[in-house]
Amino acid sequence: MTTLPSSSASPPAPTSSGGSPLLDMQGIQKSFAGVAALAQASLTVGAGEVHALIGQNGAGKSTMIKVLTGAYQRDGGSITFAGGPAAFSSPLAAQLGGIATIYQEVNLIALRTVAENIFLGREPKKWGLIQWPVMNAEASRLLKELGISLDVTQPLGTFSTAIQQMVALARAVSINARLVIMDEPTSSLNEREVETLFGVIRGLKDRGVSVIFVSHRLDELYAVCDRITVMRDGRTVYAGNMADISRLQLVEQMLGREIKNEGAQTGFVKSGAGKSGEPLLKAEGIRLGQRLSGASVAVRQGEVVGLAGLLGSGRSELARVIFGADTPDAGTVTLDGQPAHFRTPAEAIRAGLGFCSEDRKAEGIIPELSVRENLTLAILPRLARAGVVDTARQSEIVDRFVAQLGIKTSNPDQPIRELSGGNQQKVLLARWLATDPRLLILDEPTRGIDVGAKAEIQRLIGELAQDGLGVLMISSELEELIEGCHEVTVLHDGHSVARLSGDRITEPELLHAMAQGAGAQDIPAPQVRL
């Protein structure tokens, strides 16, 4: 296999246009509270070029874009745009300078009309009055160029997210932007709408407009992009032509590792092969908008099952459906062979499920509450009578789990925000263990914690499975999947594409399935309507 650049920043590759680049960002540095978010990062985009910008969570993509558009001021490095130095003071300044950004979460005004959103701040006026017929006619024309025909006098909020994204794109076109940045633009679009969007992007390219295309869907990158920049840990690790790098090499660059067979050391203790018998929980053919398109997984008692896939593959979405946080459009979920379509997480908890979210700070801990309160949050109904918490019983439970999990805290009444990330994660694990669950769903359980705490949590997960608990674990770290799981299901673009077990859980097999959308064993996705 071709050897690609290491984690050090690569020199900018020639642009597809062959001339001077439209955008050249070199040596970009940005830190927050002393922590480097960007370190000598680079990005070079040619005129009339569709350029992919990819990387895992925390790679630095969003920070790079915000530095370019003036949302953040860089700490070091240089930016050249359209032949001259660029230092935009705000996103508005960047827009006036010819850079339009379309975010995944549409940042327009839902209560204003479609036409007003397209021309917001630039309304055509005569004698100080807005020329409504002119503005509406021009808005209609712009949307028709994008293949959209609708009543532009209606509030934007009455239309789907897909239409709102097209309106945002029409706004970008209307300001005659020379560079359009699209952040996960297809996440809410169906197949026909994606094709329409790609047609628009090709049209922009023909007009000499450049596009930075941020996406985790490899099929889309190869379909529409000319060149690519890969970021990892705040650095640019690869820049080159799409045609010169395979999907497998892209995955290797994103993850920062080449294919090899020797395993790395983790704290997992895995007991033999996976369990036999009927699954404790089974999800089949799960569909959820454009995010899941036939996802399936099964977990047996005493088994750790991994969910693998690139960012955007649908791992967290599948977990949320199983836990009742989202309602699927189709598919079946069974617990002990019986239908288990949980309408709310509360129903899932009562049935014996627990769920540690990927975002510990936003969806896990309550920072201002104590360790005691955070740990017993899920069992408060059991601890309270007539609205009064049995503090003696609560203390007994808290003390038991603090000792069992080795949670380092000065006392149970210490605010959880003062604990380290690893100890916060242990409190969240204890919260769900206190419910005496049968199945525990863990979304990136060791992300963002130190090596020591990581090994402790990995060991604990293995021991929980040995004690008979079923564990569904989402992880982006191949070592965790290889060494900690009895079985791994791989997702690709919302679809389960491979189920690996035993000695088939290897780095080459995982990387191949993640990159190509195929694996050792295809998983059927029955079309069952709910």
Protein backbone atom coordinates (compact mmCIF):
# COMPACT_ATOMS: atom_id res chain seq x y z
CA MET A 1 0.00 0.00 0.00
CA THR A 2 1.14 3.49 -0.80
CA THR A 3 2.71 5.28 2.14
CA LEU A 4 1.02 8.59 2.85
CA PRO A 5 2.23 11.61 4.80
CA SER A 6 2.63 11.32 8.54
CA SER A 7 0.84 13.44 11.11
CA SER A 8 3.04 16.43 10.41
CA ALA A 9 1.47 19.09 8.24
CA SER A 10 1.80 18.44 4.53
CA PRO A 11 2.93 21.13 2.09
CA PRO A 12 0.04 22.43 0.03
CA ALA A 13 -0.59 20.30 -3.03
CA PRO A 14 -1.05 21.99 -6.41
CA THR A 15 -4.58 23.19 -6.97
CA SER A 16 -6.76 21.54 -9.56
CA SER A 17 -6.88 24.77 -11.55
CA GLY A 18 -3.12 24.71 -11.91
CA GLY A 19 -2.80 28.42 -11.09
CA SER A 20 -2.57 30.47 -7.92
CA PRO A 21 -4.98 29.26 -5.23
CA LEU A 22 -8.08 31.23 -4.33
CA LEU A 23 -7.51 30.41 -0.65
CA ASP A 24 -4.22 29.60 1.04
CA MET A 25 -4.11 29.06 4.82
CA GLN A 26 -0.67 28.18 6.18
CA GLY A 27 0.68 27.50 9.68
CA ILE A 28 -2.64 28.28 11.36
CA GLN A 29 -2.55 28.11 15.14
CA LYS A 30 -5.41 28.52 17.60
CA SER A 31 -5.56 27.68 21.30
CA PHE A 32 -8.30 27.83 23.91
CA ALA A 33 -7.27 28.12 27.55
CA GLY A 34 -3.81 26.92 26.64
CA VAL A 35 -5.06 23.87 24.74
CA ALA A 36 -4.15 23.81 21.04
CA ALA A 37 -7.15 23.35 18.75
CA LEU A 38 -5.05 24.04 15.63
CA ALA A 39 -1.31 23.49 15.33
CA GLN A 40 0.40 24.49 12.08
CA ALA A 41 -2.71 23.55 10.08
CA SER A 42 -2.99 24.31 6.37
CA LEU A 43 -5.72 24.44 3.72
CA THR A 44 -5.29 25.36 0.05
CA VAL A 45 -8.26 25.70 -2.32
CA GLY A 46 -8.04 26.49 -6.02
CA ALA A 47 -10.39 28.69 -8.03
CA GLY A 48 -13.37 26.76 -9.36
CA GLU A 49 -12.49 23.76 -7.20
CA VAL A 50 -14.67 21.54 -5.02
CA HIS A 51 -12.48 20.73 -2.03
CA ALA A 52 -13.30 18.14 0.63
CA LEU A 53 -12.36 18.89 4.25
CA ILE A 54 -12.65 15.84 6.48
CA GLY A 55 -11.60 14.47 9.86
CA GLN A 56 -13.04 12.88 12.97
CA ASN A 57 -14.62 14.82 15.86
CA GLY A 58 -12.05 17.18 17.36
CA ALA A 59 -9.85 17.11 14.27
CA GLY A 60 -10.06 20.90 13.90
CA LYS A 61 -12.31 21.29 10.84
CA SER A 62 -14.84 23.61 12.48
CA THR A 63 -12.12 25.67 14.16
CA MET A 64 -10.33 26.05 10.82
CA ILE A 65 -13.53 27.31 9.17
CA LYS A 66 -14.26 29.70 12.04
CA VAL A 67 -10.74 31.13 11.84
CA LEU A 68 -11.18 31.64 8.10
CA THR A 69 -14.57 33.34 8.45
CA GLY A 70 -13.61 35.58 11.37
CA ALA A 71 -15.61 33.86 14.10
CA TYR A 72 -12.24 33.16 15.78
CA GLN A 73 -9.07 35.19 15.49
CA ARG A 74 -6.01 33.06 14.78
CA ASP A 75 -3.01 32.97 17.12
CA GLY A 76 -0.55 32.42 14.29
CA GLY A 77 -0.18 31.66 10.61
CA SER A 78 -1.23 33.41 7.42
CA ILE A 79 -4.36 33.54 5.27
CA THR A 80 -4.41 34.65 1.65
CA PHE A 81 -7.73 34.99 -0.19
CA ALA A 82 -8.30 36.14 -3.76
CA GLY A 83 -4.68 37.17 -4.12
CA GLY A 84 -4.34 39.27 -0.98
CA PRO A 85 -3.91 38.92 2.80
CA ALA A 86 -7.14 38.17 4.64
CA ALA A 87 -8.00 38.80 8.28
CA PHE A 88 -11.78 38.99 8.56
CA SER A 89 -12.99 40.51 11.81
CA SER A 90 -16.35 38.71 11.76
CA PRO A 91 -18.44 36.30 9.68
CA LEU A 92 -20.23 39.33 8.22
CA ALA A 93 -16.90 40.75 7.08
CA ALA A 94 -16.07 37.40 5.49
CA GLN A 95 -19.41 37.37 3.72
CA LEU A 96 -18.84 40.88 2.37
CA GLY A 97 -15.39 39.70 1.29
CA GLY A 98 -16.83 36.88 -0.82
CA ILE A 99 -17.04 33.88 1.55
CA ALA A 100 -20.44 32.33 2.30
CA THR A 101 -20.91 29.59 4.89
CA ILE A 102 -23.84 27.16 4.99
CA TYR A 103 -23.92 25.34 8.31
CA GLN A 104 -25.45 21.95 9.03
CA GLU A 105 -27.86 23.68 11.40
CA VAL A 106 -29.48 26.31 9.22
CA ASN A 107 -28.90 29.72 10.82
CA LEU A 108 -31.69 31.68 9.15
CA ILE A 109 -34.86 33.23 10.62
CA ALA A 110 -37.79 30.83 10.60
CA LEU A 111 -40.50 33.49 11.04
CA ARG A 112 -39.29 35.61 8.10
CA THR A 113 -40.30 34.76 4.53
CA VAL A 114 -38.08 32.78 2.20
CA ALA A 115 -37.36 35.93 0.16
CA GLU A 116 -36.53 37.95 3.27
CA ASN A 117 -34.05 35.30 4.38
CA ILE A 118 -32.31 35.27 1.01
CA PHE A 119 -31.89 39.05 0.98
CA LEU A 120 -31.62 39.67 4.73
CA GLY A 121 -29.63 42.88 5.22
CA ARG A 122 -29.44 43.45 1.45
CA GLU A 123 -33.09 44.10 0.58
CA PRO A 124 -33.63 46.00 -2.71
CA LYS A 125 -34.93 49.46 -1.81
CA LYS A 126 -36.22 52.56 -3.52
CA TRP A 127 -36.56 55.83 -1.61
CA GLY A 128 -35.85 53.87 1.58
CA LEU A 129 -38.69 51.40 1.03
CA ILE A 130 -38.25 47.69 0.33
CA GLN A 131 -39.26 46.72 -3.20
CA TRP A 132 -41.19 43.58 -2.31
CA PRO A 133 -42.16 42.49 -5.86
CA VAL A 134 -38.56 42.85 -7.04
CA MET A 135 -37.20 40.93 -4.05
CA ASN A 136 -39.76 38.13 -4.35
CA ALA A 137 -39.20 37.75 -8.08
CA GLU A 138 -35.42 37.59 -7.67
CA ALA A 139 -35.74 35.07 -4.82
CA SER A 140 -37.95 32.86 -7.00
CA ARG A 141 -35.44 33.07 -9.84
CA LEU A 142 -32.52 32.10 -7.61
CA LEU A 143 -34.37 29.09 -6.21
CA LYS A 144 -35.46 27.92 -9.66
CA GLU A 145 -31.78 27.87 -10.64
CA LEU A 146 -31.35 25.40 -7.79
CA GLY A 147 -34.26 23.29 -9.00
CA ILE A 148 -36.66 24.54 -6.30
CA SER A 149 -40.09 26.05 -7.02
CA LEU A 150 -42.04 27.40 -4.03
CA ASP A 151 -43.93 30.39 -2.67
CA VAL A 152 -41.16 32.70 -1.45
CA THR A 153 -43.65 34.83 0.48
CA GLN A 154 -44.25 32.04 3.02
CA PRO A 155 -42.32 31.87 6.33
CA LEU A 156 -39.14 29.83 6.04
CA GLY A 157 -40.09 27.75 9.09
CA THR A 158 -43.04 26.19 7.25
CA PHE A 159 -40.65 24.31 4.97
CA SER A 160 -38.51 21.22 5.55
CA THR A 161 -34.89 21.37 6.65
CA ALA A 162 -33.87 20.33 3.14
CA ILE A 163 -35.66 23.32 1.64
CA GLN A 164 -34.17 25.61 4.28
CA GLN A 165 -30.69 24.43 3.28
CA MET A 166 -31.46 25.23 -0.35
CA VAL A 167 -32.60 28.70 0.74
CA ALA A 168 -29.29 29.16 2.56
CA LEU A 169 -27.50 28.12 -0.63
CA ALA A 170 -29.59 30.57 -2.68
CA ARG A 171 -28.53 33.31 -0.28
CA ALA A 172 -24.87 32.35 -0.82
CA VAL A 173 -25.36 32.47 -4.59
CA SER A 174 -27.11 35.83 -4.36
CA ILE A 175 -24.12 37.54 -2.71
CA ASN A 176 -21.86 36.44 -5.57
CA ALA A 177 -19.59 34.54 -3.21
CA ARG A 178 -16.27 33.37 -4.59
CA LEU A 179 -16.00 30.63 -1.96
CA VAL A 180 -18.94 28.69 -0.51
CA ILE A 181 -18.37 26.53 2.59
CA MET A 182 -20.87 23.70 3.06
CA ASP A 183 -20.86 21.96 6.45
CA GLU A 184 -22.52 18.52 6.19
CA PRO A 185 -24.99 19.87 3.60
CA THR A 186 -26.57 16.48 2.78
CA SER A 187 -27.33 15.36 6.33
CA SER A 188 -31.04 16.22 5.98
CA LEU A 189 -31.49 15.60 2.25
CA ASN A 190 -32.99 12.59 0.48
CA GLU A 191 -31.36 10.97 -2.53
CA ARG A 192 -33.09 13.17 -5.09
CA GLU A 193 -32.26 16.32 -3.14
CA VAL A 194 -28.62 15.23 -2.84
CA GLU A 195 -28.42 14.87 -6.62
CA THR A 196 -29.96 18.31 -7.01
CA LEU A 197 -27.40 19.75 -4.61
CA PHE A 198 -24.54 18.09 -6.48
CA GLY A 199 -25.87 19.60 -9.70
CA VAL A 200 -25.83 23.03 -8.06
CA ILE A 201 -22.27 22.50 -6.81
CA ARG A 202 -21.12 21.53 -10.31
CA GLY A 203 -22.85 24.63 -11.64
CA LEU A 204 -20.99 26.81 -9.12
CA LYS A 205 -17.75 25.17 -10.18
CA ASP A 206 -18.47 25.91 -13.86
CA ARG A 207 -18.92 29.57 -12.91
CA GLY A 208 -15.52 29.62 -11.21
CA VAL A 209 -16.91 29.53 -7.65
CA SER A 210 -14.96 27.35 -5.21
CA VAL A 211 -16.64 25.07 -2.68
CA ILE A 212 -15.29 23.64 0.59
CA PHE A 213 -17.35 20.51 1.18
CA VAL A 214 -17.34 19.12 4.75
CA SER A 215 -18.79 15.62 4.93
CA HIS A 216 -18.16 12.21 6.47
CA ARG A 217 -19.84 10.33 3.64
CA LEU A 218 -17.03 9.00 1.49
CA ASP A 219 -19.31 8.20 -1.46
CA GLU A 220 -20.25 11.87 -1.68
CA LEU A 221 -16.63 13.03 -1.53
CA TYR A 222 -15.64 10.88 -4.49
CA ALA A 223 -18.77 11.89 -6.41
CA VAL A 224 -18.33 15.65 -6.26
CA CYS A 225 -14.90 16.69 -4.95
CA ASP A 226 -11.69 17.43 -6.88
CA ARG A 227 -9.22 17.58 -4.00
CA ILE A 228 -9.17 16.76 -0.32
CA THR A 229 -7.60 17.89 2.94
CA VAL A 230 -7.59 15.53 5.93
CA MET A 231 -7.22 16.91 9.46
CA ARG A 232 -6.39 15.06 12.66
CA ASP A 233 -5.70 16.43 16.15
CA GLY A 234 -5.64 20.03 14.90
CA ARG A 235 -3.13 19.34 12.11
CA THR A 236 -3.32 18.85 8.37
CA VAL A 237 -2.13 15.30 7.74
CA TYR A 238 -2.90 14.92 4.05
CA ALA A 239 -3.69 17.14 1.06
CA GLY A 240 -4.04 15.90 -2.49
CA ASN A 241 -6.29 14.90 -5.37
CA MET A 242 -9.31 12.70 -4.66
CA ALA A 243 -8.24 10.41 -7.50
CA ASP A 244 -4.89 9.76 -5.84
CA ILE A 245 -6.12 8.31 -2.53
CA SER A 246 -8.26 5.24 -1.92
CA ARG A 247 -11.10 5.05 0.57
CA LEU A 248 -9.07 2.76 2.78
CA GLN A 249 -6.15 5.20 2.79
CA LEU A 250 -8.54 8.02 3.68
CA VAL A 251 -9.79 6.08 6.70
CA GLU A 252 -6.20 5.36 7.75
CA GLN A 253 -5.37 9.06 7.56
CA MET A 254 -8.46 10.06 9.57
CA LEU A 255 -7.76 7.49 12.29
CA GLY A 256 -3.98 8.00 12.28
CA ARG A 257 -2.95 4.42 11.79
CA GLU A 258 -1.89 2.05 9.03
CA ILE A 259 -3.35 -1.41 8.68
CA LYS A 260 -1.49 -3.89 10.83
CA ASN A 261 -2.43 -7.04 12.64
CA GLU A 262 -0.76 -6.70 16.01
CA GLY A 263 -3.14 -5.52 18.71
CA ALA A 264 -2.57 -2.61 21.06
CA GLN A 265 -2.94 -2.94 24.81
CA THR A 266 -6.13 -1.80 26.53
CA GLY A 267 -7.59 -2.40 29.94
CA PHE A 268 -10.23 -4.82 28.65
CA VAL A 269 -10.68 -8.27 30.12
CA LYS A 270 -12.61 -10.35 27.57
CA SER A 271 -13.75 -13.84 28.51
CA GLY A 272 -13.49 -16.23 25.57
CA ALA A 273 -15.90 -16.26 22.66
CA GLY A 274 -19.23 -14.55 22.44
CA LYS A 275 -22.29 -16.03 24.12
CA SER A 276 -24.62 -18.45 22.37
CA GLY A 277 -28.38 -18.51 22.54
CA GLU A 278 -31.07 -15.98 21.73
CA PRO A 279 -30.17 -12.27 21.87
CA LEU A 280 -31.17 -10.25 24.90
CA LEU A 281 -31.86 -7.34 22.55
CA LYS A 282 -32.20 -7.26 18.79
CA ALA A 283 -32.76 -4.28 16.48
CA GLU A 284 -33.47 -5.05 12.82
CA GLY A 285 -33.91 -2.89 9.72
CA ILE A 286 -34.03 0.40 11.65
CA ARG A 287 -34.74 3.44 9.48
CA LEU A 288 -34.69 7.04 10.69
CA GLY A 289 -34.97 9.77 8.05
CA GLN A 290 -31.71 10.07 6.16
CA ARG A 291 -29.63 9.03 9.18
CA LEU A 292 -30.45 5.31 9.32
CA SER A 293 -31.32 3.24 6.27
CA GLY A 294 -31.43 -0.37 7.48
CA ALA A 295 -29.37 -0.65 10.67
CA SER A 296 -29.35 -3.87 12.67
CA VAL A 297 -27.56 -5.13 15.79
CA ALA A 298 -28.00 -7.87 18.38
CA VAL A 299 -26.66 -8.17 21.95
CA ARG A 300 -26.65 -11.29 24.12
CA GLN A 301 -26.44 -11.48 27.88
CA GLY A 302 -22.84 -11.36 29.11
CA GLU A 303 -21.59 -10.07 25.76
CA VAL A 304 -19.87 -6.84 24.68
CA VAL A 305 -21.01 -5.89 21.18
CA GLY A 306 -19.26 -3.04 19.43
CA LEU A 307 -20.75 -0.53 16.98
CA ALA A 308 -18.07 0.65 14.57
CA GLY A 309 -18.14 3.19 11.75
CA LEU A 310 -16.91 6.58 10.73
CA LEU A 311 -18.45 9.73 12.15
CA GLY A 312 -21.88 10.14 10.55
CA SER A 313 -22.35 6.41 9.97
CA GLY A 314 -25.38 6.28 12.30
CA ARG A 315 -23.92 4.65 15.41
CA SER A 316 -25.31 7.12 17.97
CA GLU A 317 -28.59 7.39 16.07
CA LEU A 318 -29.13 3.62 16.30
CA ALA A 319 -28.37 3.70 20.03
CA ARG A 320 -30.87 6.52 20.57
CA VAL A 321 -33.60 4.59 18.73
CA ILE A 322 -32.98 1.50 20.87
CA PHE A 323 -33.16 3.62 24.04
CA GLY A 324 -36.40 5.33 23.01
CA ALA A 325 -34.88 8.79 22.55
CA ASP A 326 -35.86 8.84 18.86
CA THR A 327 -38.79 7.15 17.10
CA PRO A 328 -37.79 5.18 13.98
CA ASP A 329 -39.66 5.29 10.69
CA ALA A 330 -39.35 1.52 10.26
CA GLY A 331 -37.77 -1.55 11.81
CA THR A 332 -38.21 -3.74 14.87
CA VAL A 333 -36.68 -3.78 18.36
CA THR A 334 -37.14 -6.82 20.59
CA LEU A 335 -36.13 -7.51 24.19
CA ASP A 336 -36.11 -11.17 25.23
CA GLY A 337 -37.84 -11.93 21.94
CA GLN A 338 -40.75 -9.61 22.70
CA PRO A 339 -41.51 -6.31 20.87
CA ALA A 340 -39.88 -3.40 22.69
CA HIS A 341 -40.59 -0.17 20.89
CA PHE A 342 -39.82 2.25 23.71
CA ARG A 343 -41.59 5.56 23.24
CA THR A 344 -39.42 7.35 25.80
CA PRO A 345 -36.12 6.73 27.61
CA ALA A 346 -38.14 6.34 30.82
CA GLU A 347 -39.80 3.24 29.34
CA ALA A 348 -36.40 1.86 28.35
CA ILE A 349 -35.03 2.45 31.84
CA ARG A 350 -37.97 0.63 33.41
CA ALA A 351 -37.29 -2.30 31.05
CA GLY A 352 -33.68 -2.51 32.25
CA LEU A 353 -31.69 -0.38 29.78
CA GLY A 354 -29.10 2.26 30.60
CA PHE A 355 -27.43 4.75 28.25
CA CYS A 356 -24.20 6.74 28.70
CA SER A 357 -24.23 9.45 26.04
CA GLU A 358 -21.21 10.44 23.97
CA ASP A 359 -21.45 14.07 25.12
CA ARG A 360 -20.69 13.74 28.82
CA LYS A 361 -21.00 17.46 29.54
CA ALA A 362 -24.13 18.28 27.54
CA GLU A 363 -26.16 15.08 28.00
CA GLY A 364 -24.58 13.36 30.98
CA ILE A 365 -23.53 15.27 34.06
CA ILE A 366 -25.40 18.18 35.64
CA PRO A 367 -22.36 20.33 36.52
CA GLU A 368 -23.78 22.26 39.44
CA LEU A 369 -25.17 19.21 41.23
CA SER A 370 -23.12 17.05 43.55
CA VAL A 371 -21.62 13.64 42.90
CA ARG A 372 -24.38 12.19 45.13
CA GLU A 373 -27.17 13.86 43.15
CA ASN A 374 -25.70 12.98 39.74
CA LEU A 375 -25.10 9.36 40.68
CA THR A 376 -28.63 8.71 41.94
CA LEU A 377 -30.48 10.79 39.35
CA ALA A 378 -31.92 7.80 37.45
CA ILE A 379 -33.22 6.07 40.60
CA LEU A 380 -34.73 9.06 42.41
CA PRO A 381 -38.29 7.71 41.95
CA ARG A 382 -37.22 4.58 43.86
CA LEU A 383 -35.58 6.60 46.63
CA ALA A 384 -38.43 9.03 47.22
CA ARG A 385 -41.69 8.68 49.05
CA ALA A 386 -44.25 11.45 48.89
CA GLY A 387 -41.58 13.58 47.24
CA VAL A 388 -39.04 13.13 50.04
CA VAL A 389 -35.74 11.38 49.26
CA ASP A 390 -34.58 8.67 51.65
CA THR A 391 -31.13 10.18 52.23
CA ALA A 392 -29.85 7.23 54.27
CA ARG A 393 -30.57 4.79 51.46
CA GLN A 394 -29.19 7.27 48.93
CA SER A 395 -25.92 7.57 50.88
CA GLU A 396 -25.62 3.79 51.11
CA ILE A 397 -25.91 3.43 47.34
CA VAL A 398 -23.52 6.31 46.63
CA ASP A 399 -20.88 5.04 49.06
CA ARG A 400 -21.09 1.54 47.57
CA PHE A 401 -20.51 2.69 43.98
CA VAL A 402 -17.85 5.26 44.91
CA ALA A 403 -15.89 2.43 46.49
CA GLN A 404 -16.68 -0.17 43.83
CA LEU A 405 -15.70 2.03 40.89
CA GLY A 406 -12.87 3.86 42.65
CA ILE A 407 -14.41 7.32 42.11
CA LYS A 408 -11.95 9.90 43.41
CA THR A 409 -13.91 12.63 45.19
CA SER A 410 -13.33 14.59 48.38
CA ASN A 411 -16.87 13.72 49.47
CA PRO A 412 -20.17 12.78 47.79
CA ASP A 413 -21.44 16.34 48.11
CA GLN A 414 -18.59 17.75 45.98
CA PRO A 415 -19.89 19.34 42.73
CA ILE A 416 -19.29 16.90 39.91
CA ARG A 417 -17.83 19.66 37.71
CA GLU A 418 -14.77 19.64 39.99
CA LEU A 419 -13.98 16.01 39.19
CA SER A 420 -11.67 14.87 36.40
CA GLY A 421 -13.19 13.62 33.16
CA GLY A 422 -12.46 10.02 34.06
CA ASN A 423 -14.16 10.31 37.44
CA GLN A 424 -17.16 12.08 35.89
CA GLN A 425 -17.47 9.14 33.50
CA LYS A 426 -17.33 6.71 36.41
CA VAL A 427 -20.16 8.60 38.12
CA LEU A 428 -22.26 8.26 34.95
CA LEU A 429 -21.52 4.54 34.79
CA ALA A 430 -22.49 4.24 38.45
CA ARG A 431 -25.73 6.13 37.74
CA TRP A 432 -26.84 3.40 35.35
CA LEU A 433 -25.43 0.50 37.36
CA ALA A 434 -27.53 1.71 40.28
CA THR A 435 -30.64 0.99 38.18
CA ASP A 436 -29.57 -2.69 38.03
CA PRO A 437 -29.73 -2.75 34.21
CA ARG A 438 -29.79 -5.77 31.93
CA LEU A 439 -28.31 -3.90 28.97
CA LEU A 440 -25.93 -0.95 29.08
CA ILE A 441 -25.41 1.24 26.01
CA LEU A 442 -22.08 3.09 26.09
CA ASP A 443 -21.39 5.79 23.48
CA GLU A 444 -17.63 6.53 23.38
CA PRO A 445 -17.19 5.63 27.08
CA THR A 446 -13.45 6.48 27.22
CA ARG A 447 -13.32 9.60 25.05
CA GLY A 448 -11.60 12.61 26.59
CA ILE A 449 -10.23 10.94 29.70
CA ASP A 450 -6.68 10.18 30.78
CA VAL A 451 -4.94 6.90 30.07
CA GLY A 452 -5.19 5.58 33.62
CA ALA A 453 -8.91 6.22 33.99
CA LYS A 454 -9.42 4.85 30.49
CA ALA A 455 -7.89 1.50 31.41
CA GLU A 456 -9.97 1.36 34.59
CA ILE A 457 -13.24 1.95 32.71
CA GLN A 458 -12.28 -0.60 30.04
CA ARG A 459 -11.57 -3.17 32.75
CA LEU A 460 -14.89 -2.38 34.42
CA ILE A 461 -16.83 -2.85 31.16
CA GLY A 462 -15.25 -6.27 30.68
CA GLU A 463 -16.03 -7.29 34.24
CA LEU A 464 -19.66 -6.15 33.91
CA ALA A 465 -20.06 -8.42 30.89
CA GLN A 466 -18.47 -11.31 32.79
CA ASP A 467 -21.11 -10.76 35.47
CA GLY A 468 -23.86 -11.22 32.86
CA LEU A 469 -24.60 -7.67 31.74
CA GLY A 470 -25.20 -7.10 28.04
CA VAL A 471 -23.12 -4.18 26.71
CA LEU A 472 -23.54 -2.28 23.43
CA MET A 473 -20.43 -0.12 23.01
CA ILE A 474 -19.85 2.58 20.42
CA SER A 475 -16.17 3.37 19.96
CA SER A 476 -13.97 5.12 17.42
CA GLU A 477 -10.87 3.39 18.81
CA LEU A 478 -10.04 0.18 16.98
CA GLU A 479 -8.12 -1.23 19.97
CA GLU A 480 -11.25 -1.05 22.12
CA LEU A 481 -13.32 -2.85 19.51
CA ILE A 482 -10.71 -5.52 18.78
CA GLU A 483 -9.74 -6.31 22.37
CA GLY A 484 -12.98 -5.56 24.18
CA CYS A 485 -15.78 -6.92 21.99
CA HIS A 486 -17.12 -10.42 21.39
CA GLU A 487 -18.81 -9.13 18.24
CA VAL A 488 -18.67 -5.92 16.20
CA THR A 489 -21.34 -4.55 13.87
CA VAL A 490 -20.04 -2.03 11.33
CA LEU A 491 -22.25 0.80 10.07
CA HIS A 492 -21.72 2.72 6.84
CA ASP A 493 -23.97 5.64 5.85
CA GLY A 494 -26.74 4.48 8.19
CA HIS A 495 -26.69 0.85 7.10
CA SER A 496 -25.27 -2.22 8.85
CA VAL A 497 -22.74 -3.63 6.41
CA ALA A 498 -20.77 -6.24 8.37
CA ARG A 499 -20.94 -8.36 11.50
CA LEU A 500 -17.58 -9.58 12.75
CA SER A 501 -16.90 -11.98 15.61
CA GLY A 502 -14.04 -13.93 17.15
CA ASP A 503 -10.81 -13.83 15.17
CA ARG A 504 -12.54 -11.90 12.39
CA ILE A 505 -12.46 -8.76 14.57
CA THR A 506 -9.22 -7.44 13.10
CA GLU A 507 -7.97 -4.06 12.02
CA PRO A 508 -7.99 -4.89 8.29
CA GLU A 509 -11.55 -6.24 8.43
CA LEU A 510 -12.84 -3.24 10.39
CA LEU A 511 -11.10 -0.66 8.22
CA HIS A 512 -12.26 -2.34 5.03
CA ALA A 513 -15.90 -2.41 6.15
CA MET A 514 -15.78 1.18 7.45
CA ALA A 515 -14.23 2.49 4.24
CA GLN A 516 -15.89 0.37 1.57
CA GLY A 517 -19.29 -0.27 3.13
CA ALA A 518 -18.82 -4.04 2.87
CA GLY A 519 -17.43 -6.75 5.10
CA ALA A 520 -17.08 -10.37 5.92
CA GLN A 521 -20.78 -10.94 6.50
CA ASP A 522 -23.50 -8.76 5.03
CA ILE A 523 -26.39 -8.03 7.37
CA PRO A 524 -29.93 -8.16 5.98
CA ALA A 525 -32.14 -5.15 6.66
CA PRO A 526 -35.80 -6.25 6.61
CA GLN A 527 -38.27 -3.58 5.56
CA VAL A 528 -40.65 -3.67 8.50
CA ARG A 529 -43.00 -0.77 9.01
CA LEU A 530 -43.83 0.29 12.54
